Protein backbone atom coordinates (compact mmCIF):
# COMPACT_ATOMS: atom_id res chain seq x y z
CA MET A 1 128.91 77.08 76.64
CA LEU A 2 129.35 79.89 74.25
CA LEU A 3 132.01 82.50 74.79
CA ASN A 4 130.73 85.29 73.10
CA PRO A 5 127.06 87.20 73.58
CA SER A 6 124.37 85.43 71.81
CA TRP A 7 123.32 89.47 70.53
CA THR A 8 127.02 89.41 68.66
CA LEU A 9 126.02 86.12 66.61
CA SER A 10 126.38 86.35 62.63
CA ASN A 11 123.05 84.96 60.85
CA ALA A 12 125.53 82.29 59.83
CA HIS A 13 127.12 81.48 63.61
CA THR A 14 123.37 81.34 64.65
CA ARG A 15 122.11 78.79 61.56
CA CYS A 16 125.12 76.79 62.73
CA LEU A 17 124.33 76.84 66.22
CA ARG A 18 120.66 75.98 65.57
CA LYS A 19 121.10 73.53 63.62
CA CYS A 20 123.58 71.88 65.80
CA SER A 21 120.87 72.02 68.91
CA ASN A 22 118.34 71.16 67.08
CA ASP A 23 120.06 67.48 65.69
CA GLY A 24 121.51 66.95 69.12
CA SER A 25 124.84 67.35 67.64
CA ILE A 26 125.47 69.64 70.98
CA SER A 27 123.39 70.98 74.22
CA MET A 28 124.07 74.51 75.32
CA LEU A 29 124.45 74.94 78.95
CA LYS A 30 121.54 76.37 80.46
CA LEU A 31 121.42 77.71 84.15
CA HIS A 32 118.13 78.95 83.96
CA SER A 33 114.63 77.12 83.61
CA ASP A 34 112.53 79.25 85.88
CA ASP A 35 111.40 81.42 84.04
CA ALA A 36 109.43 80.72 80.62
CA SER A 37 110.19 83.67 79.15
CA ASP A 38 113.79 82.54 79.57
CA ASN A 39 112.81 80.59 76.27
CA ASP A 40 113.45 83.40 74.20
CA ASP A 41 116.86 82.99 73.33
CA GLN A 42 118.11 79.27 73.21
CA PHE A 43 121.84 80.36 73.30
CA ASP A 44 122.15 82.17 76.54
CA SER A 45 123.29 80.37 79.14
CA GLY A 46 122.10 82.55 81.79
CA LEU A 47 125.07 83.22 83.75
CA ASP A 48 124.97 85.71 86.45
CA PHE A 49 128.32 85.31 88.95
CA ASP A 50 127.17 88.72 90.46
CA SER A 51 124.81 86.50 92.88
CA ASP A 52 125.55 83.97 95.47
CA GLU A 53 123.12 82.10 93.70
CA GLY A 54 124.72 82.25 90.60
CA ARG A 55 127.89 81.73 91.13
CA GLU A 56 126.66 78.04 93.27
CA LEU A 57 124.54 76.66 90.75
CA PHE A 58 127.41 77.25 88.05
CA LEU A 59 130.03 75.84 90.33
CA ALA A 60 127.30 72.73 91.22
CA THR A 61 126.84 72.25 87.31
CA LEU A 62 130.31 71.40 86.92
CA SER A 63 131.06 69.73 90.10
CA SER A 64 131.61 66.00 90.48
CA ASP A 65 130.34 63.95 92.84
CA ARG A 66 131.49 60.70 94.39
CA THR A 67 128.14 58.92 94.58
CA SER A 68 127.99 59.25 90.64
CA ASN A 69 129.92 58.13 87.44
CA CYS A 70 129.84 61.97 85.64
CA PRO A 71 132.78 62.65 83.81
CA PRO A 72 134.47 65.19 84.66
CA ALA A 73 133.65 69.09 83.71
CA PRO A 74 136.81 69.18 80.67
CA MET A 75 135.42 66.04 79.75
CA SER A 76 131.62 66.81 79.77
CA PHE A 77 131.91 70.67 78.56
CA TYR A 78 133.50 72.50 76.35
CA ALA A 79 133.76 76.49 75.11
CA ILE A 80 132.84 77.75 71.60
CA SER A 81 134.07 81.35 70.10
CA THR A 82 132.56 82.71 67.57
CA GLU A 83 135.70 85.40 67.06
CA LYS A 84 139.18 84.99 66.13
CA ASP A 85 142.12 87.91 66.75
CA LEU A 86 143.12 87.31 63.46
CA SER A 87 146.63 89.36 64.85
CA PHE A 88 147.40 86.28 66.53
CA THR A 89 145.53 83.46 64.13
CA PHE A 90 147.14 80.92 61.66
CA GLY A 91 145.11 78.90 59.91
CA ASN A 92 142.71 77.03 61.30
CA GLU A 93 146.18 75.26 63.16
CA ALA A 94 146.40 78.21 65.58
CA ILE A 95 143.51 79.82 66.29
CA THR A 96 143.88 82.67 68.51
CA ILE A 97 140.96 84.71 70.12
CA PRO A 98 139.96 87.99 72.06
CA ARG A 99 140.55 88.13 76.11
CA SER A 100 136.76 88.14 77.38
CA PHE A 101 135.49 87.14 80.84
CA PRO A 102 133.97 83.92 79.78
CA TYR A 103 137.66 82.73 77.91
CA TYR A 104 139.29 83.28 81.70
CA LEU A 105 136.27 81.34 82.84
CA ALA A 106 136.60 78.15 80.69
CA VAL A 107 140.11 78.18 81.20
CA THR A 108 139.53 78.55 85.10
CA CYS A 109 137.30 75.35 84.50
CA GLY A 110 140.02 73.34 82.47
CA LEU A 111 137.50 73.28 79.35
CA PRO A 112 138.32 73.06 75.71
CA ILE A 113 137.66 75.52 73.86
CA VAL A 114 137.33 75.78 69.61
CA ASP A 115 136.36 77.62 67.15
CA ILE A 116 132.90 77.47 65.63
CA ASP A 117 134.20 75.97 62.80
CA PHE A 118 134.31 73.07 64.61
CA LEU A 119 131.16 72.78 64.19
CA SER A 120 130.61 73.64 61.17
CA SER A 121 133.18 71.65 59.61
CA ALA A 122 131.03 68.80 61.14
CA ALA A 123 127.77 69.67 59.77
CA ASN A 124 129.63 69.90 56.22
CA ARG A 125 130.95 66.23 56.54
CA LYS A 126 127.55 65.05 58.08
CA LYS A 127 126.18 66.41 54.74
CA ARG A 128 128.61 64.50 52.70
CA GLY A 129 127.29 61.04 54.23
CA ALA A 130 131.06 61.14 56.22
CA ASN A 131 131.21 59.66 59.14
CA HIS A 132 129.94 61.44 62.05
CA GLN A 133 129.55 61.33 65.50
CA HIS A 134 126.19 61.69 67.35
CA TYR A 135 127.18 63.98 69.73
CA LEU A 136 130.10 66.50 68.74
CA PHE A 137 133.12 66.69 71.26
CA PRO A 138 136.66 68.14 70.45
CA SER A 139 139.61 65.92 70.98
CA PRO A 140 142.97 66.87 72.48
CA ARG A 141 146.12 67.54 70.64
CA THR A 142 148.88 64.78 70.68
CA ALA A 143 152.90 64.94 69.63
CA ASP A 144 151.74 63.33 66.57
CA ASP A 145 149.05 66.21 65.29
CA GLY A 146 152.10 68.39 63.67
CA LYS A 147 153.58 66.01 61.90
CA ARG A 148 150.01 65.13 59.90
CA ASP A 149 149.95 66.07 56.49
CA THR A 150 147.90 69.35 56.40
CA LYS A 151 146.39 68.45 52.81
CA LYS A 152 143.99 66.16 54.15
CA ASN A 153 141.08 67.06 55.20
CA ASN A 154 140.73 69.29 58.79
CA THR A 155 140.38 67.51 61.94
CA GLN A 156 138.60 68.15 65.08
CA ASN A 157 142.01 69.27 66.92
CA ASP A 158 142.42 72.09 63.90
CA TYR A 159 139.91 74.31 65.61
CA LEU A 160 140.90 74.36 69.03
CA VAL A 161 141.81 77.63 70.27
CA LEU A 162 145.13 77.71 71.69
CA GLY A 163 145.09 81.29 73.34
CA ALA A 164 143.92 84.63 74.28
CA SER A 165 145.32 87.83 72.60
CA ASN A 166 149.03 88.66 73.24
CA TYR A 167 149.15 85.65 75.70
CA SER A 168 151.30 82.33 75.56
CA TRP A 169 150.21 79.44 73.26
CA GLY A 170 148.67 76.51 74.68
CA THR A 171 146.66 77.99 78.28
CA PRO A 172 143.77 75.92 77.21
CA GLU A 173 145.58 72.49 76.72
CA LYS A 174 147.44 73.33 80.09
CA SER A 175 144.28 74.15 82.36
CA ARG A 176 142.51 70.73 80.82
CA SER A 177 145.67 68.97 81.89
CA ALA A 178 145.72 70.62 85.49
CA SER A 179 142.15 69.84 85.44
CA LEU A 180 142.10 66.24 84.99
CA ASP A 181 145.39 65.68 87.06
CA ARG A 182 143.27 67.23 89.71
CA HIS A 183 139.86 65.06 89.11
CA SER A 184 141.94 61.75 89.35
CA LEU A 185 144.08 62.34 92.45
CA TRP A 186 140.95 63.31 94.55
CA GLN A 187 139.29 60.05 92.86
CA LYS A 188 142.09 58.02 93.94
CA GLU A 189 141.77 59.75 97.83
CA GLU A 190 144.59 61.33 97.06
CA GLY A 191 145.89 65.64 97.07
CA PRO A 192 144.09 68.40 98.92
CA HIS A 193 140.60 67.94 97.74
CA ALA A 194 140.84 63.85 99.07
CA GLN A 195 138.41 64.27 101.98
CA SER A 196 135.87 65.91 99.86
CA ASP A 197 133.09 64.08 98.58
CA THR A 198 131.80 66.51 96.26
CA LEU A 199 134.81 68.25 94.06
CA LEU A 200 134.30 71.55 92.51
CA PRO A 201 135.45 73.13 88.90
CA GLY A 202 139.12 74.59 89.16
CA ILE A 203 142.79 73.95 88.32
CA ASP A 204 144.35 75.17 91.38
CA LEU A 205 146.56 77.71 89.97
CA LEU A 206 146.75 79.93 92.91
CA ARG A 207 146.00 76.62 95.72
CA GLY A 208 147.57 78.02 98.85
CA TYR A 209 146.71 82.18 98.41
CA SER A 210 144.51 83.76 99.98
CA VAL A 211 143.58 87.31 98.45
CA MET A 212 141.42 90.29 100.19
CA LEU A 213 139.36 92.09 97.84
CA LEU A 214 138.79 95.45 98.71
CA GLY A 215 137.39 98.49 96.88
CA GLU A 216 135.23 98.92 94.32
CA PHE A 217 135.11 96.89 90.93
CA ASP A 218 132.60 97.14 88.19
CA PRO A 219 129.21 96.96 88.51
CA PRO A 220 127.41 93.78 87.94
CA ASN A 221 126.14 93.01 84.67
CA HIS A 222 123.14 90.71 85.98
CA SER A 223 122.04 88.35 83.59
CA ARG A 224 118.34 89.35 81.63
CA ARG A 225 116.50 87.04 79.40
CA THR A 226 113.61 89.24 78.31
CA VAL A 227 113.86 91.18 75.36
CA ALA A 228 113.69 94.79 77.03
CA LYS A 229 116.12 93.81 79.72
CA ARG A 230 118.36 91.83 77.15
CA LYS A 231 118.83 95.12 75.58
CA ARG A 232 119.74 97.38 79.00
CA ARG A 233 122.10 94.12 79.35
CA ARG A 234 123.82 95.15 76.21
CA ASP A 235 124.13 98.81 77.06
CA SER A 236 125.48 97.61 80.43
CA GLU A 237 128.19 95.66 78.72
CA VAL A 238 129.64 98.47 76.16
CA LYS A 239 129.77 100.81 78.77
CA GLY A 240 130.48 98.80 81.86
CA GLY A 241 133.28 96.51 81.97
CA TYR A 242 133.62 92.30 83.35
CA ARG A 243 136.09 93.03 86.41
CA THR A 244 132.81 92.78 88.78
CA ARG A 245 133.29 91.32 92.06
CA GLY A 246 131.08 88.17 91.66
CA ASN A 247 133.40 87.62 88.03
CA MET A 248 136.83 88.34 89.90
CA SER A 249 135.62 86.21 93.44
CA LEU A 250 134.57 83.16 91.04
CA LEU A 251 137.79 83.16 88.94
CA LEU A 252 139.69 83.21 92.21
CA GLN A 253 137.88 80.46 93.50
CA LEU A 254 138.11 78.06 90.40
CA CYS A 255 141.92 78.96 90.70
CA GLY A 256 141.85 77.43 94.05
CA ALA A 257 142.55 80.94 95.89
CA GLU A 258 140.81 81.77 99.11
CA VAL A 259 138.85 84.88 99.08
CA TYR A 260 138.25 87.17 101.56
CA ASP A 261 135.48 89.75 100.44
CA ILE A 262 135.97 92.95 102.69
CA ASP A 263 133.16 95.21 101.19
CA SER A 264 130.88 92.60 102.68
CA VAL A 265 131.60 93.35 106.38
CA ALA A 266 133.00 97.20 105.72
CA THR A 267 132.44 99.40 102.65
CA THR A 268 135.09 101.81 101.10
CA LYS A 269 132.81 104.59 102.54
CA HIS A 270 133.49 103.34 106.31
CA LEU A 271 137.23 103.25 105.65
CA LYS A 272 137.81 106.58 104.34
CA LYS A 273 136.34 107.17 107.72
CA ARG A 274 138.14 105.15 109.59
CA LEU A 275 136.96 101.43 110.59
CA SER A 276 135.70 100.86 114.17
CA ALA A 277 137.15 98.13 116.66
CA LYS A 278 133.79 96.17 116.20
CA GLN A 279 134.82 96.61 112.18
CA TRP A 280 138.11 95.34 112.48
CA ALA A 281 136.89 92.28 114.38
CA ASP A 282 134.22 91.20 111.97
CA ILE A 283 137.09 91.66 109.80
CA LYS A 284 139.50 89.63 111.24
CA GLY A 285 136.53 86.84 111.58
CA ALA A 286 135.43 86.98 108.19
CA ARG A 287 135.30 83.44 106.65
CA PRO A 288 136.49 83.16 102.83
CA MET A 289 133.93 82.72 100.61
CA GLY A 290 132.05 79.62 100.13
CA ALA A 291 133.60 78.40 103.12
CA THR A 292 132.15 76.22 106.13
CA GLU A 293 131.64 77.17 109.66
CA ASP A 294 134.85 75.80 110.30
CA GLY A 295 136.92 77.29 107.55
CA PRO A 296 139.77 79.29 108.27
CA VAL A 297 139.29 83.01 109.40
CA LEU A 298 141.01 85.78 108.06
CA GLU A 299 143.46 86.24 110.95
CA ASP A 300 144.24 83.26 110.99
CA ALA A 301 145.73 83.95 107.27
CA LEU A 302 147.35 87.02 108.61
CA GLN A 303 149.21 85.37 111.05
CA SER A 304 150.21 82.70 108.86
CA THR A 305 151.94 85.49 106.66
CA ILE A 306 154.06 86.67 109.45
CA LYS A 307 155.41 82.89 110.78
CA LYS A 308 156.53 83.33 106.83
CA LYS A 309 158.53 86.26 107.60
CA GLY A 310 156.60 87.82 104.91
CA PHE A 311 154.87 87.54 101.46
CA SER A 312 156.43 84.31 99.60
CA SER A 313 155.38 82.26 96.40
CA ASN A 314 152.29 81.28 98.69
CA GLY A 315 150.64 83.87 100.73
CA ILE A 316 148.30 86.69 101.47
CA VAL A 317 147.62 89.40 98.60
CA ILE A 318 145.16 92.39 98.77
CA MET A 319 143.74 92.59 95.30
CA VAL A 320 142.11 96.06 93.72
CA LYS A 321 140.53 96.92 90.66
CA GLU A 322 143.08 98.70 88.85
CA LYS A 323 146.73 99.37 90.14
CA SER A 324 145.71 103.05 90.53
CA ASP A 325 143.33 102.50 93.49
CA SER A 326 146.56 100.76 95.67
CA LYS A 327 146.23 104.09 97.74
CA LEU A 328 142.94 102.48 99.11
CA GLY A 329 145.30 99.56 99.74
CA ASN A 330 147.50 101.38 101.90
CA GLU A 331 144.81 103.02 103.57
CA PHE A 332 143.41 99.47 104.86
CA LEU A 333 147.00 98.75 105.47
CA ASP A 334 147.82 101.47 107.52
CA GLN A 335 144.54 100.52 109.43
CA LEU A 336 144.90 97.16 109.41
CA ASN A 337 148.39 97.62 111.46
CA SER A 338 146.21 98.88 114.11
CA ALA A 339 144.77 95.80 114.68
CA VAL A 340 147.07 93.27 113.66
CA THR A 341 150.73 92.63 113.14
CA VAL A 342 151.40 92.10 109.39
CA SER A 343 154.71 92.20 107.44
CA GLN A 344 154.97 92.79 103.74
CA ILE A 345 151.49 92.51 101.83
CA PRO A 346 151.04 92.56 98.25
CA ILE A 347 148.14 95.59 96.82
CA VAL A 348 148.08 93.94 93.50
CA SER A 349 145.73 94.81 90.42
CA SER A 350 142.54 92.63 89.15
CA GLN A 351 144.86 92.44 85.89
CA TRP A 352 147.52 89.89 87.90
CA LEU A 353 144.87 87.50 88.40
CA LEU A 354 143.30 87.37 84.19
CA ASP A 355 147.69 87.51 83.21
CA SER A 356 148.15 84.81 85.92
CA ILE A 357 145.11 82.84 84.17
CA GLY A 358 146.04 83.90 80.39
CA ASP A 359 149.83 82.56 80.67
CA PHE A 360 148.62 79.55 83.07
CA GLU A 361 151.68 81.06 85.58
CA VAL A 362 151.39 82.80 88.81
CA LYS A 363 152.75 86.20 87.95
CA GLU A 364 155.20 88.26 90.01
CA THR A 365 153.21 90.62 91.99
CA SER A 366 155.91 93.32 91.81
CA GLU A 367 154.91 94.24 87.97
CA TYR A 368 150.83 94.72 89.41
CA SER A 369 151.22 96.45 92.53
CA THR A 370 152.34 99.11 95.16
CA GLU A 371 154.07 96.79 97.63
CA GLY A 372 152.17 97.51 100.99
CA THR A 373 155.15 97.52 103.85
CA ILE A 374 153.85 98.26 107.26
């Protein structure tokens, strides 16, 4: 999976990727195959998470099934970055890259992340006749990596990305380990996913949390592959942002949270006019995104918060795009109290989610919220 838009690639990076793809050293993740015109960009994965179908296809592609012997996602897929953040990068042994949605996505899937020099270095070794594995895959770091002779040739893990700008190092490695541990428990029919025949990708960082998505987020950046449409997509990506409702809901799901999309039941416009009794009934009966018919309804999640006597380490959260949107969250809570008696519910910005992923630790909500108290 390529972390950078294909249209930003330099000529050298394009040649490197094309060479490795053509000789079978790598195989690019492709989620679109129904349109012949899609073939004009061999590096566009076709990721579109602002549609239910796009999210479901991605999750299914990286999932594990008990009837197959396919390895887990962190041992089958990896991410490639073509950009470094030079302010936080030290040679090839401490590579940091800019923050981006694809970076957060790779972390929440537990995928290893490498700099593109991983590919170019392997291609150079092959050209010199050195030992060359046919299908390139990065090796995880070990305790001995810091002890090796730095004068020797670069090894695969020289090019592993340690983190993103201004985040602590080691997040990709921690997330990979968490994803593999989760998969191991599932294989032994142990842990929270023991009864599932299919294990979706993820790291369970926010398992136990219920998150209500509220208000407006960035407009969708639907994937386009034809030349004319791709140009419009470039313009929208420059002007817009990646905090779309689809992107944020997918990250939450990969983190193991139950996600309730309030806007799918009642929009911001409805909320400002005050919600009707029927709309509140629909909200209370809403089920998490991707849940089955017997999934927990929102009212159950709210009642569990009451039993815990307020918000705790595992609880319910209202998420808005920006901290400045918390006014809408407070308005929602005011009306919620007339329908369901609740205690304290934090109203957090989407940065809470991104920073929790970026440092691989659940952040205190107080730094990202105006706490709603009723």
